[in-house]
Structure formats: C-alpha cells, structure tokens
C-alpha cells in the first residue's frame, strides 16, 4: 500500500493483514440535489425503459465524494485502512439524495 493511500474494505478484517490499532468511527456524507432537466430526461427514460444514467451518475459522484471525505478523516486520525465500511442512501425533501458512508479507521500491518 502506497504512502497516503487508505485501504477501504467492507469486511471486518483485511485478509493477510493484522489490525494493530482501532482509531474509531469515520464517515463521509454527500447531499446532491436533482435537477429539473435531469428529472424530465429520467422520466422519459422510465417510460421507454432502460438505465436511468443521469441518476446513476449523480449517485456515483455522491458515493465517491462521501468515500473521499471518510478516507480523509481516517488519514487525519493516522489510519492506513477503514474496515467494516457501509453505505446508506436516503431521499431528502424528495428533490435531493444523501449518501452516507461510514466505517472503522484502523492501522494494519
């Protein structure tokens, strides 16, 4: 693992590595509002069927932002990994989406 790079895993352990220190909960959050133009485009797509790319892109950007915040927080604590990572999404006021990512910051060897 390169210096400054945080390993992120959904498992409670990192295979082949030993957790030597637990530093606590870290999280990242992203809230993004939908756009009227995107809603119209998505509505048309839902009528004809297929992937709603505008929403998939919105959620992907939100996930990446939230993961980035979480890993930055972990790095500030001195961690080189985050284990037991979980993601949650929610609608806010029907026009925005929240992505919450959280896990446990640890030092692994």
N, C-alpha and C. Protein backbone atom coordinates (compact mmCIF):
# COMPACT_ATOMS: atom_id res chain seq x y z
N UNK A 1 0.85 -1.18 0.00
CA UNK A 1 0.00 0.00 0.00
C UNK A 1 0.90 1.24 0.00
N UNK A 2 0.67 2.15 -0.93
CA UNK A 2 1.47 3.37 -1.06
C UNK A 2 1.17 4.33 0.09
N UNK A 3 2.19 5.13 0.42
CA UNK A 3 2.01 6.12 1.48
C UNK A 3 0.89 7.09 1.09
N UNK A 4 0.01 7.39 2.06
CA UNK A 4 -1.09 8.30 1.81
C UNK A 4 -2.29 7.64 1.17
N UNK A 5 -2.21 6.33 0.96
CA UNK A 5 -3.33 5.61 0.36
C UNK A 5 -4.05 4.82 1.45
N UNK A 6 -5.35 5.01 1.54
CA UNK A 6 -6.16 4.34 2.57
C UNK A 6 -6.86 3.15 1.93
N UNK A 7 -6.69 1.99 2.54
CA UNK A 7 -7.38 0.79 2.09
C UNK A 7 -8.80 0.81 2.65
N UNK A 8 -9.79 0.57 1.80
CA UNK A 8 -11.19 0.60 2.21
C UNK A 8 -11.80 -0.76 1.90
N UNK A 9 -12.32 -1.43 2.95
CA UNK A 9 -12.92 -2.75 2.77
C UNK A 9 -14.25 -2.84 3.53
N UNK A 10 -15.14 -3.68 3.02
CA UNK A 10 -16.42 -3.87 3.69
C UNK A 10 -16.35 -4.97 4.74
N UNK A 11 -15.29 -5.75 4.72
CA UNK A 11 -15.14 -6.82 5.71
C UNK A 11 -14.62 -6.25 7.04
N UNK A 12 -14.74 -7.05 8.10
CA UNK A 12 -14.28 -6.61 9.42
C UNK A 12 -12.77 -6.74 9.58
N UNK A 13 -12.16 -7.49 8.70
CA UNK A 13 -10.71 -7.69 8.73
C UNK A 13 -10.15 -7.53 7.33
N UNK A 14 -8.84 -7.35 7.24
CA UNK A 14 -8.17 -7.27 5.94
C UNK A 14 -7.38 -8.57 5.77
N UNK A 15 -7.75 -9.41 4.82
CA UNK A 15 -7.05 -10.68 4.63
C UNK A 15 -5.54 -10.47 4.43
N UNK A 16 -4.77 -11.22 5.18
CA UNK A 16 -3.32 -11.12 5.08
C UNK A 16 -2.71 -10.00 5.88
N UNK A 17 -3.50 -9.24 6.57
CA UNK A 17 -3.02 -8.12 7.40
C UNK A 17 -3.59 -8.26 8.80
N UNK A 18 -2.90 -7.64 9.75
CA UNK A 18 -3.35 -7.68 11.14
C UNK A 18 -3.71 -6.27 11.58
N UNK A 19 -4.90 -6.12 12.18
CA UNK A 19 -5.30 -4.83 12.74
C UNK A 19 -4.55 -4.66 14.06
N UNK A 20 -3.72 -3.61 14.13
CA UNK A 20 -2.93 -3.39 15.34
C UNK A 20 -3.47 -2.25 16.20
N UNK A 21 -4.35 -1.43 15.61
CA UNK A 21 -4.92 -0.34 16.38
C UNK A 21 -6.24 0.09 15.74
N UNK A 22 -7.26 0.26 16.58
CA UNK A 22 -8.55 0.77 16.12
C UNK A 22 -8.66 2.23 16.55
N UNK A 23 -8.98 3.09 15.59
CA UNK A 23 -8.99 4.53 15.86
C UNK A 23 -10.39 5.13 15.94
N UNK A 24 -11.41 4.33 15.67
CA UNK A 24 -12.78 4.81 15.83
C UNK A 24 -13.53 5.01 14.52
N UNK A 25 -14.74 5.47 14.69
CA UNK A 25 -15.67 5.67 13.58
C UNK A 25 -15.24 6.85 12.71
N UNK A 26 -15.31 6.64 11.41
CA UNK A 26 -15.10 7.72 10.45
C UNK A 26 -16.27 7.68 9.47
N UNK A 27 -16.60 8.85 8.91
CA UNK A 27 -17.74 8.89 7.99
C UNK A 27 -17.53 9.97 6.94
N UNK A 28 -18.32 9.85 5.91
CA UNK A 28 -18.37 10.86 4.86
C UNK A 28 -19.81 10.97 4.41
N UNK A 29 -20.18 12.15 3.95
CA UNK A 29 -21.58 12.39 3.57
C UNK A 29 -21.62 13.29 2.35
N UNK A 30 -22.54 13.00 1.46
CA UNK A 30 -22.75 13.84 0.29
C UNK A 30 -24.24 14.01 0.07
N UNK A 31 -24.67 15.24 -0.13
CA UNK A 31 -26.07 15.52 -0.43
C UNK A 31 -26.08 16.27 -1.76
N UNK A 32 -26.80 15.73 -2.71
CA UNK A 32 -26.89 16.36 -4.03
C UNK A 32 -28.34 16.53 -4.43
N UNK A 33 -28.64 17.71 -4.96
CA UNK A 33 -29.99 17.99 -5.42
C UNK A 33 -30.16 17.53 -6.86
N UNK A 34 -31.35 17.04 -7.14
CA UNK A 34 -31.67 16.69 -8.52
C UNK A 34 -31.96 17.96 -9.29
N UNK A 35 -31.94 17.85 -10.59
CA UNK A 35 -32.13 18.98 -11.48
C UNK A 35 -33.37 18.73 -12.34
N UNK A 36 -34.18 19.74 -12.56
CA UNK A 36 -35.42 19.59 -13.31
C UNK A 36 -35.17 18.96 -14.68
N UNK A 37 -34.14 19.41 -15.38
CA UNK A 37 -33.82 18.85 -16.69
C UNK A 37 -33.50 17.37 -16.61
N UNK A 38 -32.77 16.99 -15.58
CA UNK A 38 -32.45 15.57 -15.37
C UNK A 38 -33.70 14.77 -15.03
N UNK A 39 -34.60 15.37 -14.24
CA UNK A 39 -35.85 14.69 -13.89
C UNK A 39 -36.69 14.40 -15.12
N UNK A 40 -36.75 15.36 -16.04
CA UNK A 40 -37.51 15.17 -17.27
C UNK A 40 -36.88 14.06 -18.11
N UNK A 41 -35.56 14.12 -18.24
CA UNK A 41 -34.83 13.10 -19.00
C UNK A 41 -35.03 11.72 -18.38
N UNK A 42 -34.96 11.63 -17.06
CA UNK A 42 -35.15 10.36 -16.37
C UNK A 42 -36.58 9.87 -16.52
N UNK A 43 -37.55 10.79 -16.50
CA UNK A 43 -38.96 10.41 -16.68
C UNK A 43 -39.21 9.80 -18.04
N UNK A 44 -38.60 10.38 -19.05
CA UNK A 44 -38.73 9.84 -20.41
C UNK A 44 -38.09 8.46 -20.47
N UNK A 45 -36.91 8.31 -19.86
CA UNK A 45 -36.21 7.03 -19.86
C UNK A 45 -37.04 5.97 -19.15
N UNK A 46 -37.73 6.35 -18.07
CA UNK A 46 -38.52 5.36 -17.34
C UNK A 46 -39.73 4.89 -18.15
N UNK A 47 -40.22 5.73 -19.05
CA UNK A 47 -41.35 5.35 -19.91
C UNK A 47 -40.91 4.33 -20.95
N UNK A 48 -39.76 4.58 -21.59
CA UNK A 48 -39.29 3.69 -22.65
C UNK A 48 -38.46 2.54 -22.11
N UNK A 49 -38.05 2.61 -20.87
CA UNK A 49 -37.26 1.55 -20.25
C UNK A 49 -35.77 1.78 -20.42
N UNK A 50 -35.00 1.09 -19.61
CA UNK A 50 -33.54 1.18 -19.68
C UNK A 50 -32.94 1.86 -18.47
N UNK A 51 -31.63 1.96 -18.52
CA UNK A 51 -30.88 2.54 -17.42
C UNK A 51 -31.12 4.05 -17.34
N UNK A 52 -31.33 4.55 -16.14
CA UNK A 52 -31.51 5.98 -15.93
C UNK A 52 -30.13 6.54 -15.58
N UNK A 53 -29.37 6.81 -16.63
CA UNK A 53 -27.97 7.20 -16.50
C UNK A 53 -27.73 8.47 -15.70
N UNK A 54 -28.64 9.44 -15.80
CA UNK A 54 -28.43 10.70 -15.10
C UNK A 54 -28.45 10.49 -13.58
N UNK A 55 -29.32 9.60 -13.10
CA UNK A 55 -29.36 9.33 -11.67
C UNK A 55 -28.20 8.44 -11.24
N UNK A 56 -27.82 7.49 -12.09
CA UNK A 56 -26.68 6.63 -11.78
C UNK A 56 -25.42 7.47 -11.64
N UNK A 57 -25.25 8.44 -12.52
CA UNK A 57 -24.09 9.33 -12.47
C UNK A 57 -24.12 10.19 -11.21
N UNK A 58 -25.29 10.71 -10.86
CA UNK A 58 -25.45 11.53 -9.66
C UNK A 58 -25.06 10.74 -8.41
N UNK A 59 -25.54 9.50 -8.30
CA UNK A 59 -25.23 8.68 -7.13
C UNK A 59 -23.76 8.27 -7.11
N UNK A 60 -23.18 7.98 -8.27
CA UNK A 60 -21.76 7.60 -8.32
C UNK A 60 -20.88 8.75 -7.83
N UNK A 61 -21.17 9.96 -8.28
CA UNK A 61 -20.40 11.13 -7.82
C UNK A 61 -20.58 11.34 -6.32
N UNK A 62 -21.79 11.13 -5.82
CA UNK A 62 -22.06 11.27 -4.39
C UNK A 62 -21.30 10.24 -3.58
N UNK A 63 -21.28 8.98 -4.06
CA UNK A 63 -20.53 7.92 -3.36
C UNK A 63 -19.05 8.24 -3.30
N UNK A 64 -18.49 8.65 -4.44
CA UNK A 64 -17.06 8.98 -4.47
C UNK A 64 -16.72 10.13 -3.54
N UNK A 65 -17.57 11.15 -3.50
CA UNK A 65 -17.35 12.29 -2.60
C UNK A 65 -17.40 11.84 -1.14
N UNK A 66 -18.39 11.03 -0.79
CA UNK A 66 -18.53 10.56 0.60
C UNK A 66 -17.36 9.66 1.00
N UNK A 67 -16.93 8.78 0.11
CA UNK A 67 -15.77 7.92 0.40
C UNK A 67 -14.53 8.77 0.58
N UNK A 68 -14.37 9.79 -0.26
CA UNK A 68 -13.22 10.69 -0.14
C UNK A 68 -13.19 11.41 1.20
N UNK A 69 -14.35 11.87 1.66
CA UNK A 69 -14.42 12.53 2.98
C UNK A 69 -14.06 11.54 4.09
N UNK A 70 -14.57 10.31 3.98
CA UNK A 70 -14.31 9.31 5.01
C UNK A 70 -12.82 8.97 5.08
N UNK A 71 -12.19 8.77 3.93
CA UNK A 71 -10.77 8.41 3.93
C UNK A 71 -9.89 9.57 4.40
N UNK A 72 -10.30 10.80 4.09
CA UNK A 72 -9.57 11.97 4.58
C UNK A 72 -9.62 12.02 6.11
N UNK A 73 -10.80 11.77 6.67
CA UNK A 73 -10.97 11.75 8.12
C UNK A 73 -10.11 10.64 8.74
N UNK A 74 -10.09 9.47 8.10
CA UNK A 74 -9.28 8.35 8.60
C UNK A 74 -7.80 8.68 8.58
N UNK A 75 -7.36 9.31 7.51
CA UNK A 75 -5.95 9.68 7.39
C UNK A 75 -5.55 10.68 8.47
N UNK A 76 -6.44 11.63 8.79
CA UNK A 76 -6.17 12.60 9.85
C UNK A 76 -5.98 11.93 11.20
N UNK A 77 -6.65 10.78 11.40
CA UNK A 77 -6.52 10.04 12.65
C UNK A 77 -5.27 9.16 12.68
N UNK A 78 -4.58 9.05 11.54
CA UNK A 78 -3.38 8.22 11.46
C UNK A 78 -3.65 6.81 10.96
N UNK A 79 -4.82 6.56 10.41
CA UNK A 79 -5.18 5.23 9.91
C UNK A 79 -4.56 4.99 8.54
N UNK A 80 -4.38 3.70 8.22
CA UNK A 80 -3.99 3.34 6.86
C UNK A 80 -5.05 2.44 6.22
N UNK A 81 -6.16 2.21 6.94
CA UNK A 81 -7.27 1.43 6.40
C UNK A 81 -8.58 1.79 7.10
N UNK A 82 -9.69 1.49 6.42
CA UNK A 82 -11.01 1.62 7.02
C UNK A 82 -11.71 0.29 6.77
N UNK A 83 -12.14 -0.34 7.85
CA UNK A 83 -12.80 -1.64 7.75
C UNK A 83 -14.29 -1.51 8.08
N UNK A 84 -15.04 -2.56 7.77
CA UNK A 84 -16.48 -2.61 8.07
C UNK A 84 -17.22 -1.42 7.45
N UNK A 85 -16.85 -1.07 6.23
CA UNK A 85 -17.46 0.08 5.56
C UNK A 85 -18.88 -0.25 5.12
N UNK A 86 -19.78 0.67 5.37
CA UNK A 86 -21.18 0.54 4.98
C UNK A 86 -21.62 1.82 4.29
N UNK A 87 -22.59 1.69 3.41
CA UNK A 87 -23.15 2.84 2.69
C UNK A 87 -24.66 2.86 2.88
N UNK A 88 -25.19 4.06 2.95
CA UNK A 88 -26.63 4.24 3.10
C UNK A 88 -27.05 5.40 2.20
N UNK A 89 -28.22 5.28 1.60
CA UNK A 89 -28.75 6.38 0.80
C UNK A 89 -30.14 6.75 1.32
N UNK A 90 -30.51 8.00 1.11
CA UNK A 90 -31.83 8.45 1.54
C UNK A 90 -32.26 9.64 0.68
N UNK A 91 -33.57 9.77 0.48
CA UNK A 91 -34.13 10.95 -0.16
C UNK A 91 -34.31 12.03 0.89
N UNK A 92 -34.05 13.25 0.49
CA UNK A 92 -34.27 14.40 1.37
C UNK A 92 -35.21 15.35 0.64
N UNK A 93 -36.35 15.61 1.21
CA UNK A 93 -37.35 16.52 0.64
C UNK A 93 -37.79 16.11 -0.77
N UNK A 94 -37.55 14.90 -1.17
CA UNK A 94 -37.99 14.44 -2.47
C UNK A 94 -37.22 15.01 -3.65
N UNK A 95 -36.30 15.92 -3.41
CA UNK A 95 -35.56 16.53 -4.53
C UNK A 95 -34.05 16.42 -4.37
N UNK A 96 -33.60 15.75 -3.33
CA UNK A 96 -32.17 15.59 -3.11
C UNK A 96 -31.90 14.20 -2.58
N UNK A 97 -30.69 13.74 -2.82
CA UNK A 97 -30.29 12.42 -2.34
C UNK A 97 -29.07 12.55 -1.44
N UNK A 98 -29.09 11.82 -0.35
CA UNK A 98 -27.96 11.79 0.58
C UNK A 98 -27.30 10.43 0.49
N UNK A 99 -25.97 10.43 0.46
CA UNK A 99 -25.20 9.20 0.55
C UNK A 99 -24.33 9.33 1.80
N UNK A 100 -24.44 8.35 2.69
CA UNK A 100 -23.65 8.31 3.91
C UNK A 100 -22.77 7.07 3.85
N UNK A 101 -21.48 7.25 4.08
CA UNK A 101 -20.52 6.15 4.10
C UNK A 101 -19.82 6.18 5.46
N UNK A 102 -19.72 5.02 6.11
CA UNK A 102 -19.06 5.00 7.41
C UNK A 102 -18.34 3.68 7.63
N UNK A 103 -17.36 3.71 8.52
CA UNK A 103 -16.58 2.53 8.83
C UNK A 103 -15.68 2.80 10.02
N UNK A 104 -14.81 1.84 10.32
CA UNK A 104 -13.89 1.97 11.44
C UNK A 104 -12.48 2.20 10.92
N UNK A 105 -11.87 3.31 11.34
CA UNK A 105 -10.49 3.62 10.96
C UNK A 105 -9.55 2.74 11.77
N UNK A 106 -8.60 2.11 11.10
CA UNK A 106 -7.66 1.22 11.78
C UNK A 106 -6.25 1.38 11.21
N UNK A 107 -5.30 0.86 11.96
CA UNK A 107 -3.93 0.72 11.47
C UNK A 107 -3.71 -0.77 11.26
N UNK A 108 -3.28 -1.14 10.05
CA UNK A 108 -3.00 -2.54 9.76
C UNK A 108 -1.53 -2.70 9.38
N UNK A 109 -1.01 -3.89 9.67
CA UNK A 109 0.38 -4.22 9.29
C UNK A 109 0.36 -5.40 8.36
